[in-house]
Amino acid sequence: MLNLDDLDNVKVRFNLSIDDNKNPIDFFKNADFDTLLRAQYWNYSKLKSYKAGQITIGFVKLAQSDQWLLFHVGRITRDLNKLNGIGYEYEVLSEYEKYFGRLIVRYKNESQNMIRRANSIMDQCEVLQILPDTFDNDIFPGYDKVNLLWHEMSRVLSKEGWRTALQNQKGVYMITDQSNGKMYVGSAYGDHMILGRWKSYIKIGHGGNVELKKLSFEYIKVNFKYSILDIFKSTVDDKAILERESWWKMVLQTREFGYNIN
């Protein structure tokens, strides 16, 4: 698909984690390409990643197992002869930019080495999808994989796939304060269900919760993360959702150590 003639001169880097195990896809969604490219051209402390003249292909891991998003294709223009740092100057190969953020492949890397020679792995890479536009987390990953920062949630709740998934399910959700580990467990069963509840957090931050009202909106935007513990069909009695909410509060001890007070 990329029509690369000399695969012996091409290396593929599967970026699994950046900066103390942070997920690279988060940097892509936030348009922090400087960090992604720094990782792409980083040398380890004892081993060089590339040679001058080589083409490098960069992927970042998606939430779905073994799925990777293309974000970069470049050529090494100069070896800086530097270890444990950015070791190269490079040029972006503009003819491939139309695929950046759109091409998704499936590849299961069974090696500890995340930098692979293209001729050894290309036959194992399956093109799954070419997105109509640049990836921005608009693919709903499944209820059990929702784990959103506030600014991510504020963006995806306008996406049709997310809206459809969240407005048709009652549920129990969790908010985690990443600065101190404190949690809040809530439930959603009113108008538009989980979608309606979470939209209130986007609008005012605290959603009307007593303990969360004590925090500034800016603090919430920076530190809060949202996930789903349980989902229920819209026909399930609200009492069942409230009972499940109470159970999670007990298990996670959010009344004793978190932001729940009832």
Protein backbone atom coordinates (compact mmCIF):
# COMPACT_ATOMS: atom_id res chain seq x y z
CA MET A 1 0.00 0.00 0.00
CA LEU A 2 2.86 2.39 0.80
CA ASN A 3 4.67 1.13 -2.31
CA LEU A 4 8.08 0.93 -0.63
CA ASP A 5 10.52 -0.68 -3.05
CA ASP A 6 13.48 -1.50 -0.81
CA LEU A 7 12.14 -3.03 2.41
CA ASP A 8 15.69 -3.87 3.48
CA ASN A 9 16.16 -0.13 4.03
CA VAL A 10 12.94 0.38 6.03
CA LYS A 11 12.41 0.01 9.79
CA VAL A 12 9.08 0.10 11.63
CA ARG A 13 8.74 1.41 15.17
CA PHE A 14 5.72 0.32 17.21
CA ASN A 15 5.42 2.98 19.92
CA LEU A 16 3.86 1.21 22.88
CA SER A 17 4.69 3.69 25.65
CA ILE A 18 6.32 7.11 26.02
CA ASP A 19 7.67 9.05 29.00
CA ASP A 20 7.24 6.63 31.91
CA ASN A 21 4.64 4.34 30.33
CA LYS A 22 2.26 7.02 29.04
CA ASN A 23 0.05 5.88 26.16
CA PRO A 24 1.32 7.32 22.84
CA ILE A 25 -2.20 7.58 21.39
CA ASP A 26 -2.95 10.24 24.02
CA PHE A 27 -0.17 12.39 22.59
CA PHE A 28 -1.59 11.90 19.10
CA LYS A 29 -5.11 12.88 20.18
CA ASN A 30 -3.72 16.01 21.81
CA ALA A 31 -1.68 16.84 18.68
CA ASP A 32 1.60 16.60 20.61
CA PHE A 33 3.57 15.42 17.59
CA ASP A 34 6.87 16.74 18.95
CA THR A 35 6.73 14.14 21.73
CA LEU A 36 5.77 11.38 19.31
CA LEU A 37 8.60 12.21 16.93
CA ARG A 38 11.08 12.46 19.78
CA ALA A 39 10.12 8.91 20.73
CA GLN A 40 10.28 7.77 17.09
CA TYR A 41 13.88 8.95 16.72
CA TRP A 42 15.14 8.12 20.20
CA ASN A 43 18.20 5.90 20.65
CA TYR A 44 18.55 3.55 23.57
CA SER A 45 21.56 3.87 25.87
CA LYS A 46 23.51 1.01 24.23
CA LEU A 47 22.00 0.58 20.77
CA LYS A 48 21.27 2.78 17.78
CA SER A 49 17.78 2.55 16.29
CA TYR A 50 18.54 3.49 12.66
CA LYS A 51 21.19 4.34 10.10
CA ALA A 52 21.50 7.35 7.84
CA GLY A 53 19.38 6.95 4.72
CA GLN A 54 16.90 4.53 6.24
CA ILE A 55 13.15 5.09 6.02
CA THR A 56 11.27 4.87 9.32
CA ILE A 57 7.59 4.11 9.81
CA GLY A 58 5.93 5.09 13.09
CA PHE A 59 2.84 3.51 14.64
CA VAL A 60 1.06 4.19 17.94
CA LYS A 61 -1.06 1.59 19.74
CA LEU A 62 -4.83 1.92 19.86
CA ALA A 63 -7.01 0.72 22.72
CA GLN A 64 -8.07 -2.33 20.73
CA SER A 65 -5.72 -5.27 21.05
CA ASP A 66 -2.99 -5.48 18.38
CA GLN A 67 -4.26 -2.44 16.45
CA TRP A 68 -1.89 0.36 15.46
CA LEU A 69 -2.34 3.81 13.92
CA LEU A 70 0.18 5.20 11.42
CA PHE A 71 1.43 8.65 12.40
CA HIS A 72 4.74 9.10 10.56
CA VAL A 73 6.91 8.04 7.63
CA GLY A 74 10.32 9.70 7.35
CA ARG A 75 13.88 9.31 6.12
CA ILE A 76 17.04 9.68 8.21
CA THR A 77 19.09 12.55 6.80
CA ARG A 78 21.81 12.59 9.44
CA ASP A 79 23.05 10.32 12.20
CA LEU A 80 23.88 12.51 15.21
CA ASN A 81 25.83 9.64 16.78
CA LYS A 82 24.02 10.13 20.08
CA LEU A 83 22.83 7.44 22.49
CA ASN A 84 20.14 7.80 25.16
CA GLY A 85 18.58 10.70 23.30
CA ILE A 86 17.29 11.89 19.93
CA GLY A 87 19.86 10.43 17.60
CA TYR A 88 18.86 11.66 14.16
CA GLU A 89 17.82 14.42 11.86
CA TYR A 90 15.11 13.42 9.42
CA GLU A 91 12.72 14.55 6.73
CA VAL A 92 9.03 13.72 6.56
CA LEU A 93 8.08 11.86 3.38
CA SER A 94 5.17 14.05 2.33
CA GLU A 95 3.73 11.57 -0.17
CA TYR A 96 2.55 9.45 2.77
CA GLU A 97 1.03 12.25 4.85
CA LYS A 98 -2.44 11.49 3.46
CA TYR A 99 -2.35 8.27 5.51
CA PHE A 100 -1.13 9.80 8.79
CA GLY A 101 -3.76 9.34 11.48
CA ARG A 102 -5.99 7.38 9.10
CA LEU A 103 -4.32 4.03 8.39
CA ILE A 104 -5.02 1.34 11.02
CA VAL A 105 -3.26 -2.02 10.88
CA ARG A 106 -3.44 -5.17 12.97
CA TYR A 107 -0.10 -6.57 14.08
CA LYS A 108 0.78 -8.78 17.02
CA ASN A 109 4.33 -8.11 18.09
CA GLU A 110 5.70 -11.21 19.78
CA SER A 111 9.18 -9.73 20.19
CA GLN A 112 10.44 -7.51 22.98
CA ASN A 113 12.03 -5.37 20.28
CA MET A 114 9.53 -2.72 19.16
CA ILE A 115 11.76 -1.55 16.29
CA ARG A 116 11.51 -4.09 13.50
CA ARG A 117 12.92 -4.47 10.02
CA ALA A 118 10.08 -4.01 7.56
CA ASN A 119 11.00 -7.09 5.51
CA SER A 120 10.55 -9.27 8.60
CA ILE A 121 7.07 -8.10 9.63
CA MET A 122 5.23 -6.57 6.66
CA ASP A 123 3.52 -9.85 5.75
CA GLN A 124 2.11 -9.98 9.29
CA CYS A 125 0.59 -6.47 9.13
CA GLU A 126 -3.06 -6.46 8.07
CA VAL A 127 -4.66 -3.23 6.89
CA LEU A 128 -7.92 -2.99 8.84
CA GLN A 129 -9.22 0.43 7.95
CA ILE A 130 -8.50 3.75 6.34
CA LEU A 131 -10.47 6.34 8.28
CA PRO A 132 -12.32 9.00 6.29
CA ASP A 133 -10.66 11.65 8.44
CA THR A 134 -7.87 11.90 11.01
CA PHE A 135 -8.34 9.72 14.07
CA ASP A 136 -9.58 11.71 17.07
CA ASN A 137 -10.88 8.98 19.37
CA ASP A 138 -14.26 8.92 17.64
CA ILE A 139 -14.24 5.12 17.59
CA PHE A 140 -16.23 3.92 20.61
CA PRO A 141 -13.97 1.24 22.19
CA GLY A 142 -16.61 -0.63 24.20
CA TYR A 143 -18.03 0.15 27.63
CA ASP A 144 -15.36 -1.79 29.50
CA LYS A 145 -12.56 0.17 27.81
CA VAL A 146 -13.84 3.71 28.40
CA ASN A 147 -11.18 5.63 30.35
CA LEU A 148 -11.29 9.32 29.47
CA LEU A 149 -9.60 12.45 30.70
CA TRP A 150 -11.96 15.42 31.05
CA HIS A 151 -10.76 17.13 27.86
CA GLU A 152 -11.09 13.83 25.95
CA MET A 153 -14.62 13.36 27.21
CA SER A 154 -15.55 16.92 26.25
CA ARG A 155 -14.53 16.12 22.68
CA VAL A 156 -15.95 12.62 22.14
CA LEU A 157 -19.40 13.28 23.58
CA SER A 158 -20.21 15.16 20.39
CA LYS A 159 -19.36 12.12 18.26
CA GLU A 160 -22.28 10.11 16.95
CA GLY A 161 -20.85 6.72 17.94
CA TRP A 162 -20.23 7.80 21.51
CA ARG A 163 -23.59 9.56 21.84
CA THR A 164 -25.47 6.52 20.58
CA ALA A 165 -23.64 4.19 22.94
CA LEU A 166 -23.99 6.33 26.06
CA GLN A 167 -27.51 7.71 25.69
CA ASN A 168 -29.08 4.25 25.53
CA GLN A 169 -27.51 2.71 28.63
CA LYS A 170 -28.09 3.20 32.32
CA GLY A 171 -24.99 2.60 34.35
CA VAL A 172 -22.62 3.03 37.25
CA TYR A 173 -19.49 5.03 36.55
CA MET A 174 -16.33 6.08 38.35
CA ILE A 175 -14.42 9.35 38.41
CA THR A 176 -10.77 9.17 39.46
CA ASP A 177 -8.76 12.14 40.69
CA GLN A 178 -5.33 11.39 39.25
CA SER A 179 -3.58 13.86 41.56
CA ASN A 180 -4.43 12.00 44.76
CA GLY A 181 -6.12 8.71 43.82
CA LYS A 182 -9.49 9.65 45.32
CA MET A 183 -12.52 8.24 43.53
CA TYR A 184 -16.17 9.09 43.10
CA VAL A 185 -18.82 6.53 42.15
CA GLY A 186 -22.03 7.73 40.52
CA SER A 187 -25.01 6.33 38.68
CA ALA A 188 -26.90 7.39 35.55
CA TYR A 189 -30.52 6.50 34.85
CA GLY A 190 -32.31 9.75 33.95
CA ASP A 191 -32.71 11.54 30.64
CA HIS A 192 -30.13 10.35 28.09
CA MET A 193 -28.70 8.09 30.81
CA ILE A 194 -24.86 8.02 30.92
CA LEU A 195 -24.60 10.64 28.18
CA GLY A 196 -26.85 13.06 30.04
CA ARG A 197 -24.98 12.60 33.31
CA TRP A 198 -21.56 13.06 31.76
CA LYS A 199 -22.64 16.12 29.79
CA SER A 200 -23.31 17.81 33.12
CA TYR A 201 -19.66 17.22 34.08
CA ILE A 202 -18.58 18.87 30.84
CA LYS A 203 -20.84 21.85 31.47
CA ILE A 204 -20.14 22.60 35.14
CA GLY A 205 -17.46 20.16 36.27
CA HIS A 206 -18.99 18.94 39.51
CA GLY A 207 -22.33 17.67 38.18
CA GLY A 208 -24.05 18.87 41.34
CA ASN A 209 -22.10 16.54 43.65
CA VAL A 210 -21.44 18.07 47.07
CA GLU A 211 -17.78 17.13 47.52
CA LEU A 212 -16.89 17.87 43.91
CA LYS A 213 -18.34 21.37 44.28
CA LYS A 214 -15.44 22.12 46.63
CA LEU A 215 -13.00 21.74 43.73
CA SER A 216 -12.39 24.34 41.03
CA PHE A 217 -13.49 23.64 37.48
CA GLU A 218 -9.90 24.06 36.27
CA TYR A 219 -8.70 21.47 38.80
CA ILE A 220 -11.33 19.01 37.54
CA LYS A 221 -10.37 19.59 33.91
CA VAL A 222 -6.73 18.79 34.63
CA ASN A 223 -7.05 15.87 37.06
CA PHE A 224 -10.29 13.93 36.53
CA LYS A 225 -10.69 10.71 34.56
CA TYR A 226 -13.99 8.97 33.76
CA SER A 227 -14.70 5.24 33.35
CA ILE A 228 -17.69 2.88 33.42
CA LEU A 229 -18.12 0.15 36.03
CA ASP A 230 -21.48 -1.36 35.03
CA ILE A 231 -24.02 -0.88 32.25
CA PHE A 232 -27.73 -1.78 32.19
CA LYS A 233 -30.45 -1.76 29.57
CA SER A 234 -32.81 1.19 29.65
CA THR A 235 -35.61 -1.13 30.86
CA VAL A 236 -33.83 -2.09 34.09
CA ASP A 237 -35.47 -0.65 37.20
CA ASP A 238 -33.64 2.37 38.63
CA LYS A 239 -33.56 0.70 42.05
CA ALA A 240 -31.24 -1.98 40.68
CA ILE A 241 -28.82 0.67 39.43
CA LEU A 242 -28.81 2.44 42.80
CA GLU A 243 -28.15 -0.84 44.61
CA ARG A 244 -25.23 -1.54 42.31
CA GLU A 245 -23.90 1.99 42.85
CA SER A 246 -23.98 1.44 46.60
CA TRP A 247 -22.15 -1.86 46.22
CA TRP A 248 -19.32 -0.24 44.27
CA LYS A 249 -19.03 2.54 46.86
CA MET A 250 -18.59 -0.12 49.51
CA VAL A 251 -16.06 -2.17 47.54
CA LEU A 252 -13.96 0.83 46.50
CA GLN A 253 -14.44 2.55 49.88
CA THR A 254 -15.22 5.84 48.21
CA ARG A 255 -17.25 7.02 51.22
CA GLU A 256 -14.29 6.53 53.55
CA PHE A 257 -11.45 7.62 51.24
CA GLY A 258 -13.05 9.21 48.18
CA TYR A 259 -15.50 11.92 47.19
CA ASN A 260 -18.77 10.14 48.06
CA ILE A 261 -20.57 11.23 51.22
CA ASN A 262 -23.73 9.09 51.03
